[in-house]
C-alpha atoms as a PDB file:
ATOM      1  CA  UNK A   1     -38.089 132.306-167.165  1.00  0.00           C
ATOM      2  CA  UNK A   2     -34.706 131.553-165.598  1.00  0.00           C
ATOM      3  CA  UNK A   3     -34.936 130.842-161.870  1.00  0.00           C
ATOM      4  CA  UNK A   4     -31.972 132.323-160.023  1.00  0.00           C
ATOM      5  CA  UNK A   5     -33.291 132.438-156.456  1.00  0.00           C
ATOM      6  CA  UNK A   6     -35.898 130.601-154.370  1.00  0.00           C
ATOM      7  CA  UNK A   7     -37.408 132.391-151.370  1.00  0.00           C
ATOM      8  CA  UNK A   8     -38.303 129.990-148.536  1.00  0.00           C
ATOM      9  CA  UNK A   9     -40.838 131.408-146.079  1.00  0.00           C
ATOM     10  CA  UNK A  10     -40.788 129.729-142.652  1.00  0.00           C
ATOM     11  CA  UNK A  11     -43.603 130.727-140.238  1.00  0.00           C
ATOM     12  CA  UNK A  12     -42.637 129.826-136.678  1.00  0.00           C
ATOM     13  CA  UNK A  13     -44.626 129.716-133.453  1.00  0.00           C
ATOM     14  CA  UNK A  14     -43.231 127.997-130.357  1.00  0.00           C
ATOM     15  CA  UNK A  15     -40.777 125.876-132.334  1.00  0.00           C
ATOM     16  CA  UNK A  16     -37.726 126.675-130.195  1.00  0.00           C
ATOM     17  CA  UNK A  17     -36.979 123.022-129.443  1.00  0.00           C
ATOM     18  CA  UNK A  18     -36.939 121.892-133.080  1.00  0.00           C
ATOM     19  CA  UNK A  19     -36.366 124.877-135.374  1.00  0.00           C
ATOM     20  CA  UNK A  20     -32.617 124.210-135.584  1.00  0.00           C
ATOM     21  CA  UNK A  21     -33.419 120.872-137.235  1.00  0.00           C
ATOM     22  CA  UNK A  22     -35.371 122.432-140.101  1.00  0.00           C
ATOM     23  CA  UNK A  23     -32.760 125.186-140.482  1.00  0.00           C
ATOM     24  CA  UNK A  24     -30.096 122.466-140.772  1.00  0.00           C
ATOM     25  CA  UNK A  25     -32.104 120.803-143.529  1.00  0.00           C
ATOM     26  CA  UNK A  26     -32.591 124.109-145.355  1.00  0.00           C
ATOM     27  CA  UNK A  27     -28.881 124.883-145.093  1.00  0.00           C
ATOM     28  CA  UNK A  28     -27.862 121.484-146.421  1.00  0.00           C
ATOM     29  CA  UNK A  29     -30.284 121.116-149.329  1.00  0.00           C
ATOM     30  CA  UNK A  30     -28.805 121.815-152.753  1.00  0.00           C
ATOM     31  CA  UNK A  31     -31.239 123.124-155.333  1.00  0.00           C
ATOM     32  CA  UNK A  32     -31.211 122.107-158.982  1.00  0.00           C
ATOM     33  CA  UNK A  33     -29.468 124.345-161.510  1.00  0.00           C
ATOM     34  CA  UNK A  34     -27.519 126.038-158.714  1.00  0.00           C
ATOM     35  CA  UNK A  35     -30.576 128.034-157.628  1.00  0.00           C
ATOM     36  CA  UNK A  36     -29.784 130.345-154.697  1.00  0.00           C
ATOM     37  CA  UNK A  37     -31.756 130.106-151.428  1.00  0.00           C
ATOM     38  CA  UNK A  38     -33.281 132.987-149.480  1.00  0.00           C
ATOM     39  CA  UNK A  39     -34.587 131.802-146.100  1.00  0.00           C
ATOM     40  CA  UNK A  40     -37.116 134.106-144.415  1.00  0.00           C
ATOM     41  CA  UNK A  41     -38.152 133.141-140.876  1.00  0.00           C
ATOM     42  CA  UNK A  42     -41.170 134.924-139.395  1.00  0.00           C
ATOM     43  CA  UNK A  43     -41.600 134.449-135.644  1.00  0.00           C
ATOM     44  CA  UNK A  44     -45.273 134.920-134.799  1.00  0.00           C
ATOM     45  CA  UNK A  45     -44.696 136.216-131.242  1.00  0.00           C
ATOM     46  CA  UNK A  46     -43.679 132.844-129.807  1.00  0.00           C
ATOM     47  CA  UNK A  47     -43.940 132.431-126.040  1.00  0.00           C
ATOM     48  CA  UNK A  48     -41.022 129.975-125.838  1.00  0.00           C
ATOM     49  CA  UNK A  49     -37.360 130.411-126.837  1.00  0.00           C
ATOM     50  CA  UNK A  50     -37.939 130.388-130.611  1.00  0.00           C
ATOM     51  CA  UNK A  51     -36.298 133.794-131.108  1.00  0.00           C
ATOM     52  CA  UNK A  52     -33.313 132.865-128.955  1.00  0.00           C
ATOM     53  CA  UNK A  53     -32.905 129.596-130.898  1.00  0.00           C
ATOM     54  CA  UNK A  54     -32.934 131.466-134.232  1.00  0.00           C
ATOM     55  CA  UNK A  55     -30.397 134.051-133.027  1.00  0.00           C
ATOM     56  CA  UNK A  56     -28.178 131.269-131.692  1.00  0.00           C
ATOM     57  CA  UNK A  57     -28.355 129.521-135.045  1.00  0.00           C
ATOM     58  CA  UNK A  58     -27.447 132.707-136.890  1.00  0.00           C
ATOM     59  CA  UNK A  59     -24.387 133.192-134.683  1.00  0.00           C
ATOM     60  CA  UNK A  60     -23.271 129.619-135.326  1.00  0.00           C
ATOM     61  CA  UNK A  61     -23.783 129.624-139.093  1.00  0.00           C
ATOM     62  CA  UNK A  62     -22.459 132.834-140.606  1.00  0.00           C
ATOM     63  CA  UNK A  63     -22.268 131.085-143.997  1.00  0.00           C
ATOM     64  CA  UNK A  64     -26.057 130.672-144.025  1.00  0.00           C
ATOM     65  CA  UNK A  65     -27.803 134.055-143.956  1.00  0.00           C
ATOM     66  CA  UNK A  66     -31.318 134.061-142.530  1.00  0.00           C
ATOM     67  CA  UNK A  67     -33.732 136.946-143.018  1.00  0.00           C
ATOM     68  CA  UNK A  68     -35.549 137.269-139.695  1.00  0.00           C
ATOM     69  CA  UNK A  69     -38.774 139.090-138.840  1.00  0.00           C
ATOM     70  CA  UNK A  70     -40.936 138.917-135.720  1.00  0.00           C
ATOM     71  CA  UNK A  71     -44.488 139.936-134.842  1.00  0.00           C
ATOM     72  CA  UNK A  72     -45.028 141.930-131.679  1.00  0.00           C
ATOM     73  CA  UNK A  73     -48.343 140.120-131.119  1.00  0.00           C
ATOM     74  CA  UNK A  74     -49.490 136.665-132.158  1.00  0.00           C
ATOM     75  CA  UNK A  75     -51.435 137.010-135.407  1.00  0.00           C
ATOM     76  CA  UNK A  76     -51.565 133.454-136.784  1.00  0.00           C
ATOM     77  CA  UNK A  77     -49.806 131.344-139.383  1.00  0.00           C
ATOM     78  CA  UNK A  78     -51.476 133.110-142.308  1.00  0.00           C
ATOM     79  CA  UNK A  79     -50.303 136.511-141.053  1.00  0.00           C
ATOM     80  CA  UNK A  80     -46.756 135.182-140.706  1.00  0.00           C
ATOM     81  CA  UNK A  81     -46.942 133.949-144.293  1.00  0.00           C
ATOM     82  CA  UNK A  82     -48.204 137.351-145.486  1.00  0.00           C
ATOM     83  CA  UNK A  83     -45.204 139.003-143.833  1.00  0.00           C
ATOM     84  CA  UNK A  84     -42.719 136.548-145.329  1.00  0.00           C
ATOM     85  CA  UNK A  85     -44.242 136.665-148.804  1.00  0.00           C
ATOM     86  CA  UNK A  86     -43.992 140.461-148.881  1.00  0.00           C
ATOM     87  CA  UNK A  87     -40.299 140.208-147.993  1.00  0.00           C
ATOM     88  CA  UNK A  88     -39.476 137.622-150.672  1.00  0.00           C
ATOM     89  CA  UNK A  89     -37.043 138.664-153.408  1.00  0.00           C
ATOM     90  CA  UNK A  90     -36.671 135.312-155.189  1.00  0.00           C
ATOM     91  CA  UNK A  91     -38.106 134.404-158.576  1.00  0.00           C
ATOM     92  CA  UNK A  92     -40.236 131.740-156.882  1.00  0.00           C
ATOM     93  CA  UNK A  93     -41.442 131.435-153.279  1.00  0.00           C
ATOM     94  CA  UNK A  94     -42.156 128.265-151.328  1.00  0.00           C
ATOM     95  CA  UNK A  95     -43.690 127.728-147.886  1.00  0.00           C
ATOM     96  CA  UNK A  96     -41.860 125.604-145.322  1.00  0.00           C
ATOM     97  CA  UNK A  97     -43.382 124.922-141.905  1.00  0.00           C
ATOM     98  CA  UNK A  98     -40.926 125.087-138.995  1.00  0.00           C
ATOM     99  CA  UNK A  99     -41.882 121.587-137.824  1.00  0.00           C
ATOM    100  CA  UNK A 100     -40.407 118.432-139.334  1.00  0.00           C
ATOM    101  CA  UNK A 101     -43.448 117.208-141.296  1.00  0.00           C
ATOM    102  CA  UNK A 102     -42.055 118.090-144.739  1.00  0.00           C
ATOM    103  CA  UNK A 103     -38.597 117.390-146.202  1.00  0.00           C
ATOM    104  CA  UNK A 104     -36.789 120.308-147.932  1.00  0.00           C
ATOM    105  CA  UNK A 105     -34.872 117.787-150.053  1.00  0.00           C
ATOM    106  CA  UNK A 106     -38.104 117.586-152.045  1.00  0.00           C
ATOM    107  CA  UNK A 107     -37.985 121.259-153.054  1.00  0.00           C
ATOM    108  CA  UNK A 108     -36.411 120.046-156.281  1.00  0.00           C
ATOM    109  CA  UNK A 109     -39.471 117.916-157.040  1.00  0.00           C
ATOM    110  CA  UNK A 110     -41.635 121.047-156.885  1.00  0.00           C
ATOM    111  CA  UNK A 111     -39.084 123.171-158.721  1.00  0.00           C
ATOM    112  CA  UNK A 112     -38.795 120.793-161.689  1.00  0.00           C
ATOM    113  CA  UNK A 113     -41.957 121.924-163.558  1.00  0.00           C
ATOM    114  CA  UNK A 114     -41.063 125.570-162.880  1.00  0.00           C
ATOM    115  CA  UNK A 115     -37.509 125.119-164.125  1.00  0.00           C
ATOM    116  CA  UNK A 116     -38.900 123.546-167.299  1.00  0.00           C
ATOM    117  CA  UNK A 117     -40.950 126.700-167.763  1.00  0.00           C
ATOM    118  CA  UNK A 118     -44.326 124.968-167.734  1.00  0.00           C
ATOM    119  CA  UNK A 119     -45.617 125.920-164.245  1.00  0.00           C
ATOM    120  CA  UNK A 120     -46.393 129.142-162.391  1.00  0.00           C
ATOM    121  CA  UNK A 121     -47.618 127.347-159.268  1.00  0.00           C
ATOM    122  CA  UNK A 122     -46.784 123.846-157.983  1.00  0.00           C
ATOM    123  CA  UNK A 123     -48.594 122.068-155.121  1.00  0.00           C
ATOM    124  CA  UNK A 124     -46.948 119.172-153.307  1.00  0.00           C
ATOM    125  CA  UNK A 125     -49.486 116.419-152.679  1.00  0.00           C
ATOM    126  CA  UNK A 126     -49.325 114.031-149.740  1.00  0.00           C
ATOM    127  CA  UNK A 127     -51.912 111.812-151.445  1.00  0.00           C
ATOM    128  CA  UNK A 128     -50.323 110.999-154.799  1.00  0.00           C
ATOM    129  CA  UNK A 129     -47.225 109.118-155.870  1.00  0.00           C
ATOM    130  CA  UNK A 130     -45.213 106.527-153.987  1.00  0.00           C
ATOM    131  CA  UNK A 131     -43.504 108.815-151.468  1.00  0.00           C
ATOM    132  CA  UNK A 132     -43.345 107.897-147.770  1.00  0.00           C
ATOM    133  CA  UNK A 133     -46.022 109.318-145.496  1.00  0.00           C
ATOM    134  CA  UNK A 134     -46.628 108.665-141.827  1.00  0.00           C
ATOM    135  CA  UNK A 135     -49.884 106.914-140.952  1.00  0.00           C
ATOM    136  CA  UNK A 136     -51.748 109.042-138.412  1.00  0.00           C
ATOM    137  CA  UNK A 137     -55.337 110.255-138.122  1.00  0.00           C
ATOM    138  CA  UNK A 138     -58.187 108.761-140.171  1.00  0.00           C
ATOM    139  CA  UNK A 139     -60.546 111.698-139.654  1.00  0.00           C
ATOM    140  CA  UNK A 140     -57.833 114.214-140.536  1.00  0.00           C
ATOM    141  CA  UNK A 141     -57.310 112.469-143.870  1.00  0.00           C
ATOM    142  CA  UNK A 142     -61.063 112.389-144.522  1.00  0.00           C
ATOM    143  CA  UNK A 143     -61.287 116.068-143.579  1.00  0.00           C
ATOM    144  CA  UNK A 144     -58.425 117.005-145.889  1.00  0.00           C
ATOM    145  CA  UNK A 145     -59.963 115.135-148.794  1.00  0.00           C
ATOM    146  CA  UNK A 146     -63.370 116.691-148.164  1.00  0.00           C
ATOM    147  CA  UNK A 147     -61.907 120.219-148.043  1.00  0.00           C
ATOM    148  CA  UNK A 148     -59.968 119.572-151.244  1.00  0.00           C
ATOM    149  CA  UNK A 149     -63.107 118.201-152.938  1.00  0.00           C
ATOM    150  CA  UNK A 150     -65.160 121.218-151.850  1.00  0.00           C
ATOM    151  CA  UNK A 151     -62.455 123.628-152.992  1.00  0.00           C
ATOM    152  CA  UNK A 152     -62.155 121.875-156.353  1.00  0.00           C
ATOM    153  CA  UNK A 153     -65.906 122.174-156.905  1.00  0.00           C
ATOM    154  CA  UNK A 154     -65.633 125.959-156.880  1.00  0.00           C
ATOM    155  CA  UNK A 155     -62.174 126.473-158.425  1.00  0.00           C
ATOM    156  CA  UNK A 156     -62.644 123.811-161.149  1.00  0.00           C
ATOM    157  CA  UNK A 157     -59.182 122.461-160.328  1.00  0.00           C
ATOM    158  CA  UNK A 158     -58.456 118.764-159.821  1.00  0.00           C
ATOM    159  CA  UNK A 159     -56.034 119.018-156.894  1.00  0.00           C
ATOM    160  CA  UNK A 160     -55.623 116.059-154.553  1.00  0.00           C
ATOM    161  CA  UNK A 161     -54.252 118.045-151.588  1.00  0.00           C
ATOM    162  CA  UNK A 162     -55.382 121.675-151.296  1.00  0.00           C
ATOM    163  CA  UNK A 163     -54.336 121.822-147.622  1.00  0.00           C
ATOM    164  CA  UNK A 164     -50.684 120.911-148.260  1.00  0.00           C
ATOM    165  CA  UNK A 165     -47.982 123.123-146.765  1.00  0.00           C
ATOM    166  CA  UNK A 166     -45.719 122.746-149.797  1.00  0.00           C
ATOM    167  CA  UNK A 167     -46.907 125.335-152.283  1.00  0.00           C
ATOM    168  CA  UNK A 168     -44.502 126.909-154.768  1.00  0.00           C
ATOM    169  CA  UNK A 169     -45.521 130.213-156.368  1.00  0.00           C
ATOM    170  CA  UNK A 170     -44.024 132.542-158.897  1.00  0.00           C
ATOM    171  CA  UNK A 171     -43.223 135.388-156.546  1.00  0.00           C
ATOM    172  CA  UNK A 172     -44.763 138.172-158.599  1.00  0.00           C
ATOM    173  CA  UNK A 173     -48.062 136.243-158.723  1.00  0.00           C
ATOM    174  CA  UNK A 174     -48.316 135.512-154.982  1.00  0.00           C
ATOM    175  CA  UNK A 175     -47.254 139.045-154.057  1.00  0.00           C
ATOM    176  CA  UNK A 176     -49.947 140.462-156.314  1.00  0.00           C
ATOM    177  CA  UNK A 177     -52.741 138.615-154.500  1.00  0.00           C
ATOM    178  CA  UNK A 178     -54.590 140.466-151.743  1.00  0.00           C
ATOM    179  CA  UNK A 179     -54.506 137.815-149.015  1.00  0.00           C
ATOM    180  CA  UNK A 180     -56.535 138.407-145.854  1.00  0.00           C
ATOM    181  CA  UNK A 181     -56.702 135.196-143.795  1.00  0.00           C
ATOM    182  CA  UNK A 182     -54.450 135.402-140.733  1.00  0.00           C
ATOM    183  CA  UNK A 183     -54.726 131.862-139.474  1.00  0.00           C
ATOM    184  CA  UNK A 184     -55.213 128.455-141.123  1.00  0.00           C
ATOM    185  CA  UNK A 185     -57.620 129.861-143.712  1.00  0.00           C
ATOM    186  CA  UNK A 186     -54.594 130.749-145.829  1.00  0.00           C
ATOM    187  CA  UNK A 187     -54.716 127.489-147.806  1.00  0.00           C
ATOM    188  CA  UNK A 188     -58.275 127.700-149.195  1.00  0.00           C
ATOM    189  CA  UNK A 189     -57.995 131.461-149.711  1.00  0.00           C
ATOM    190  CA  UNK A 190     -54.769 131.365-151.701  1.00  0.00           C
ATOM    191  CA  UNK A 191     -56.066 128.407-153.733  1.00  0.00           C
ATOM    192  CA  UNK A 192     -59.289 130.242-154.603  1.00  0.00           C
ATOM    193  CA  UNK A 193     -57.464 133.406-155.588  1.00  0.00           C
ATOM    194  CA  UNK A 194     -54.618 131.854-157.527  1.00  0.00           C
ATOM    195  CA  UNK A 195     -57.120 129.740-159.499  1.00  0.00           C
ATOM    196  CA  UNK A 196     -58.666 132.966-160.851  1.00  0.00           C
ATOM    197  CA  UNK A 197     -55.383 134.390-162.188  1.00  0.00           C
ATOM    198  CA  UNK A 198     -55.790 134.540-165.997  1.00  0.00           C
ATOM    199  CA  UNK A 199     -53.705 131.938-167.800  1.00  0.00           C
ATOM    200  CA  UNK A 200     -52.285 130.474-164.569  1.00  0.00           C
ATOM    201  CA  UNK A 201     -50.478 127.152-164.960  1.00  0.00           C
ATOM    202  CA  UNK A 202     -50.868 124.996-161.832  1.00  0.00           C
ATOM    203  CA  UNK A 203     -49.101 121.655-161.369  1.00  0.00           C
ATOM    204  CA  UNK A 204     -49.159 119.055-158.604  1.00  0.00           C
ATOM    205  CA  UNK A 205     -46.400 116.605-157.623  1.00  0.00           C
ATOM    206  CA  UNK A 206     -46.214 113.820-155.047  1.00  0.00           C
ATOM    207  CA  UNK A 207     -44.267 114.494-151.842  1.00  0.00           C
ATOM    208  CA  UNK A 208     -43.472 112.732-148.564  1.00  0.00           C
ATOM    209  CA  UNK A 209     -45.146 113.549-145.267  1.00  0.00           C
ATOM    210  CA  UNK A 210     -43.776 112.976-141.761  1.00  0.00           C
ATOM    211  CA  UNK A 211     -46.784 114.106-139.736  1.00  0.00           C
ATOM    212  CA  UNK A 212     -46.744 115.009-136.053  1.00  0.00           C
ATOM    213  CA  UNK A 213     -49.227 114.022-133.360  1.00  0.00           C
ATOM    214  CA  UNK A 214     -50.751 116.608-131.028  1.00  0.00           C
ATOM    215  CA  UNK A 215     -48.340 115.457-128.301  1.00  0.00           C
ATOM    216  CA  UNK A 216     -45.490 116.176-130.710  1.00  0.00           C
ATOM    217  CA  UNK A 217     -46.697 119.713-131.317  1.00  0.00           C
ATOM    218  CA  UNK A 218     -49.335 119.570-134.059  1.00  0.00           C
ATOM    219  CA  UNK A 219     -51.496 122.709-133.771  1.00  0.00           C
ATOM    220  CA  UNK A 220     -54.370 122.400-136.272  1.00  0.00           C
ATOM    221  CA  UNK A 221     -57.717 121.135-134.930  1.00  0.00           C
ATOM    222  CA  UNK A 222     -61.379 120.646-135.870  1.00  0.00           C
ATOM    223  CA  UNK A 223     -62.145 124.348-135.473  1.00  0.00           C
ATOM    224  CA  UNK A 224     -59.647 125.085-138.239  1.00  0.00           C
ATOM    225  CA  UNK A 225     -61.520 122.629-140.443  1.00  0.00           C
ATOM    226  CA  UNK A 226     -64.760 124.578-140.064  1.00  0.00           C
ATOM    227  CA  UNK A 227     -62.870 127.812-140.736  1.00  0.00           C
ATOM    228  CA  UNK A 228     -61.514 126.252-143.927  1.00  0.00           C
ATOM    229  CA  UNK A 229     -65.075 125.445-145.099  1.00  0.00           C
ATOM    230  CA  UNK A 230     -66.102 129.041-144.379  1.00  0.00           C
ATOM    231  CA  UNK A 231     -63.095 130.336-146.343  1.00  0.00           C
ATOM    232  CA  UNK A 232     -63.786 128.070-149.313  1.00  0.00           C
ATOM    233  CA  UNK A 233     -67.315 129.479-149.540  1.00  0.00           C
ATOM    234  CA  UNK A 234     -66.261 133.061-148.796  1.00  0.00           C
ATOM    235  CA  UNK A 235     -63.448 133.352-151.291  1.00  0.00           C
ATOM    236  CA  UNK A 236     -65.092 131.386-154.091  1.00  0.00           C
ATOM    237  CA  UNK A 237     -68.688 132.625-153.865  1.00  0.00           C
ATOM    238  CA  UNK A 238     -68.517 136.080-152.309  1.00  0.00           C
ATOM    239  CA  UNK A 239     -65.065 137.442-153.157  1.00  0.00           C
END
């Protein structure tokens, strides 16, 4: 399968102060094999100046088209991803958070197995390889590893980082899934459902991670961890 276009879905909530930085990185990154970029930003009813910042960026960068959609009420990150995924027209779709924790220059690392024609889905792992990652919270890392372990038990995959933001999907596959989780349950749900696709070829590659603290705007908390456990059980045992 020749990859002509990559759809990049960017969920955004109260990222007005920093979203221009990630848009700069997306504009500057050059994809392998001359693959075209389609950037889809979904504003999940931000209460700050996120929309104004996006419009200002569009006016300043006419050479970099951005597909923009906004929710009239706050629905959650998962809902923003559902909206963006439905709008995607690329051969493959990747998720890019609006914060600065992940580096778009590494899209090509995830694209490589897909370009070779051996992968339908590629996960970027923060826990494998020699890539740089910021040292932050011990219990977050334990929680991530536990959730990945629990997910792997039911999916029979051997992922090292189920909760990673960087997930690359063949667009027709991800659009065909009936995804329901509106908040941070997206990760375990999509993993459970994609693992059941007949003949699916899933790869994992090492990526960098420049994590944020809560003071710097990190939004996930312990409640989201319990929701993830619930979703792992729900979508693997009862779905």
